[in-house]
Amino acid sequence: MTQGVQSLGVPIRRMATVAPAQSSAMGKTKQKSPVTPAEQYDVALSFAGENRTYVEEVAEGLKAASVSVFYDKFEKADLWGKNLIEHLAEIYGHRSRFVVMFVSKEYVEKAWTTHERRHAQDRALLAQSEYILPARFDDTAVPGMTSTVAFVDLRKTSPSELVGLILQKLGKSSH
């Protein structure tokens, strides 16, 4: 598990005991930061570390276009010290307008991407419109995703082209 977390770019170590979290009546951990809107990010990027080079170009392009994007390297200080199981569940399940899922063989094999995917799929089940935007590096089947969901083929799409498509999906100009 530590190796999986480190693939997020956030080193952690296992603790023998954990201090009890401050809880609300619903059992959710309270955060010390101010309340954030339900959708804090325009888009969250879910990917395997093996695909980071491509995804980082997309993240940088989105950031340059003033898109609020959840990309782990942009969030190092915010992620520091957080319970990543709970925090990532919130990001991929509640705090993003869209999740771009970068599908690859490695993506479906990893514990953290599976965690992100499951929370995104939970939200997508109840969404009235598209929520998960699949982008494929290969033809690996994604558990829980039907073959009828339209995707972008990254074998034929450059990072800058994908940025343009995401901007269109968000209703923003690409220039």
Protein backbone atom coordinates (compact mmCIF):
# COMPACT_ATOMS: atom_id res chain seq x y z
CA MET A 1 0.00 0.00 0.00
CA THR A 2 2.83 2.42 0.79
CA GLN A 3 4.20 1.94 -2.72
CA GLY A 4 0.76 2.71 -4.14
CA VAL A 5 0.49 5.93 -2.15
CA GLN A 6 3.99 6.94 -3.12
CA SER A 7 2.93 6.56 -6.77
CA LEU A 8 0.61 9.51 -6.03
CA GLY A 9 3.74 11.53 -5.30
CA VAL A 10 2.81 11.81 -1.63
CA PRO A 11 5.06 9.83 0.72
CA ILE A 12 3.41 8.35 3.82
CA ARG A 13 4.38 5.95 6.53
CA ARG A 14 2.21 3.53 8.44
CA MET A 15 1.34 4.47 11.98
CA ALA A 16 0.86 1.87 14.70
CA THR A 17 -2.00 3.85 16.18
CA VAL A 18 -4.04 6.75 14.90
CA ALA A 19 -5.46 9.48 17.11
CA PRO A 20 -9.25 9.69 16.94
CA ALA A 21 -10.54 12.18 14.37
CA GLN A 22 -12.83 15.02 15.29
CA SER A 23 -16.25 13.93 14.04
CA SER A 24 -19.61 15.46 13.29
CA ALA A 25 -22.97 13.86 14.02
CA MET A 26 -22.78 11.98 10.71
CA GLY A 27 -19.39 10.47 11.53
CA LYS A 28 -17.56 12.47 8.86
CA THR A 29 -14.18 13.97 9.72
CA LYS A 30 -14.32 17.75 10.06
CA GLN A 31 -11.73 19.71 8.16
CA LYS A 32 -10.15 22.79 9.68
CA SER A 33 -10.29 24.64 6.36
CA PRO A 34 -13.36 26.69 5.46
CA VAL A 35 -16.30 24.95 3.83
CA THR A 36 -15.74 24.57 0.10
CA PRO A 37 -18.36 24.47 -2.62
CA ALA A 38 -19.55 21.01 -3.62
CA GLU A 39 -17.61 21.20 -6.88
CA GLN A 40 -14.22 22.59 -5.96
CA TYR A 41 -12.61 21.49 -9.25
CA ASP A 42 -13.72 21.73 -12.86
CA VAL A 43 -11.95 18.44 -13.52
CA ALA A 44 -10.10 15.77 -11.56
CA LEU A 45 -7.52 13.61 -13.33
CA SER A 46 -7.42 9.90 -12.43
CA PHE A 47 -4.44 8.01 -13.84
CA ALA A 48 -1.73 5.43 -13.23
CA GLY A 49 1.77 6.70 -12.51
CA GLU A 50 3.06 4.97 -15.65
CA ASN A 51 1.06 7.49 -17.69
CA ARG A 52 2.18 10.58 -15.77
CA THR A 53 4.17 12.17 -18.61
CA TYR A 54 1.09 12.45 -20.86
CA VAL A 55 -1.23 13.41 -17.99
CA GLU A 56 1.12 16.09 -16.71
CA GLU A 57 1.05 17.81 -20.11
CA VAL A 58 -2.75 17.77 -19.94
CA ALA A 59 -2.73 19.10 -16.36
CA GLU A 60 -0.35 21.93 -17.29
CA GLY A 61 -2.45 22.81 -20.35
CA LEU A 62 -5.63 22.93 -18.26
CA LYS A 63 -3.96 25.04 -15.59
CA ALA A 64 -2.67 27.46 -18.27
CA ALA A 65 -6.27 27.76 -19.52
CA SER A 66 -7.40 28.74 -15.99
CA VAL A 67 -9.22 25.46 -15.38
CA SER A 68 -9.48 24.37 -11.77
CA VAL A 69 -7.88 20.93 -11.99
CA PHE A 70 -7.17 18.28 -9.37
CA TYR A 71 -3.74 16.88 -10.25
CA ASP A 72 -1.72 15.40 -7.40
CA LYS A 73 1.47 17.36 -8.13
CA PHE A 74 -0.48 20.64 -7.93
CA GLU A 75 -1.87 19.62 -4.53
CA LYS A 76 1.21 18.45 -2.60
CA ALA A 77 0.81 20.94 0.28
CA ASP A 78 -2.93 20.34 0.54
CA LEU A 79 -2.53 16.54 0.49
CA TRP A 80 0.20 16.62 3.12
CA GLY A 81 -1.10 15.04 6.33
CA LYS A 82 -4.57 14.24 5.00
CA ASN A 83 -6.25 10.85 5.21
CA LEU A 84 -6.00 10.12 1.49
CA ILE A 85 -8.69 7.44 1.53
CA GLU A 86 -11.28 9.96 2.71
CA HIS A 87 -9.92 12.95 0.83
CA LEU A 88 -9.67 11.26 -2.57
CA ALA A 89 -13.16 9.79 -2.11
CA GLU A 90 -14.43 13.36 -1.70
CA ILE A 91 -12.51 14.69 -4.72
CA TYR A 92 -13.56 11.93 -7.12
CA GLY A 93 -17.03 11.44 -5.71
CA HIS A 94 -18.22 14.96 -4.88
CA ARG A 95 -15.85 17.86 -5.51
CA SER A 96 -15.28 17.71 -9.26
CA ARG A 97 -17.52 18.66 -12.15
CA PHE A 98 -15.90 15.95 -14.32
CA VAL A 99 -13.38 13.15 -13.81
CA VAL A 100 -11.06 12.37 -16.71
CA MET A 101 -10.22 8.70 -16.34
CA PHE A 102 -6.96 7.82 -18.13
CA VAL A 103 -7.56 4.14 -18.84
CA SER A 104 -4.65 1.73 -19.24
CA LYS A 105 -3.71 -1.77 -18.16
CA GLU A 106 -1.87 -0.27 -15.18
CA TYR A 107 -4.87 1.91 -14.30
CA VAL A 108 -7.20 -1.01 -13.69
CA GLU A 109 -4.57 -2.93 -11.69
CA LYS A 110 -3.74 -0.29 -9.06
CA ALA A 111 -5.43 0.08 -5.68
CA TRP A 112 -5.50 3.90 -5.65
CA THR A 113 -6.91 4.28 -9.15
CA THR A 114 -9.51 1.63 -8.30
CA HIS A 115 -10.46 3.70 -5.23
CA GLU A 116 -10.78 6.86 -7.35
CA ARG A 117 -12.73 5.02 -10.07
CA ARG A 118 -15.22 3.49 -7.64
CA HIS A 119 -16.06 6.86 -6.12
CA ALA A 120 -16.38 8.46 -9.55
CA GLN A 121 -18.64 5.61 -10.71
CA ASP A 122 -20.81 6.02 -7.61
CA ARG A 123 -21.33 9.69 -8.50
CA ALA A 124 -21.85 8.87 -12.19
CA LEU A 125 -24.66 6.47 -11.32
CA LEU A 126 -26.71 9.35 -9.92
CA ALA A 127 -25.57 12.08 -12.34
CA GLN A 128 -28.05 13.51 -14.81
CA SER A 129 -25.29 13.99 -17.40
CA GLU A 130 -21.78 12.77 -18.17
CA TYR A 131 -19.44 12.75 -15.21
CA ILE A 132 -16.65 10.32 -16.13
CA LEU A 133 -14.79 11.23 -19.30
CA PRO A 134 -12.78 8.14 -20.31
CA ALA A 135 -9.55 8.62 -22.23
CA ARG A 136 -7.86 5.39 -23.31
CA PHE A 137 -4.20 4.53 -23.70
CA ASP A 138 -5.23 0.98 -24.63
CA ASP A 139 -8.30 -1.26 -24.86
CA THR A 140 -8.26 -2.55 -21.27
CA ALA A 141 -11.77 -3.20 -19.94
CA VAL A 142 -12.73 -1.06 -16.95
CA PRO A 143 -14.76 -2.85 -14.28
CA GLY A 144 -18.20 -1.29 -14.01
CA MET A 145 -17.95 0.67 -17.27
CA THR A 146 -20.00 -0.51 -20.21
CA SER A 147 -18.47 -0.74 -23.67
CA THR A 148 -21.04 1.77 -24.95
CA VAL A 149 -19.49 4.72 -23.10
CA ALA A 150 -17.81 7.03 -25.62
CA PHE A 151 -14.11 7.67 -25.03
CA VAL A 152 -11.16 9.57 -26.46
CA ASP A 153 -8.43 7.38 -27.95
CA LEU A 154 -5.13 8.72 -26.64
CA ARG A 155 -3.20 6.72 -29.23
CA LYS A 156 -4.57 9.26 -31.74
CA THR A 157 -4.93 12.34 -29.51
CA SER A 158 -2.14 14.61 -28.32
CA PRO A 159 -2.19 16.12 -24.84
CA SER A 160 -2.96 19.57 -26.29
CA GLU A 161 -5.85 18.12 -28.34
CA LEU A 162 -7.23 16.50 -25.18
CA VAL A 163 -6.97 19.83 -23.36
CA GLY A 164 -9.03 21.39 -26.16
CA LEU A 165 -11.68 18.69 -25.84
CA ILE A 166 -11.87 19.13 -22.07
CA LEU A 167 -12.22 22.90 -22.51
CA GLN A 168 -15.08 22.31 -24.95
CA LYS A 169 -16.75 19.94 -22.47
CA LEU A 170 -16.45 22.65 -19.82
CA GLY A 171 -17.92 25.23 -22.21
CA LYS A 172 -14.71 27.25 -22.23
CA SER A 173 -12.87 28.62 -25.22
CA SER A 174 -9.63 26.87 -26.15
CA HIS A 175 -7.91 30.20 -26.89
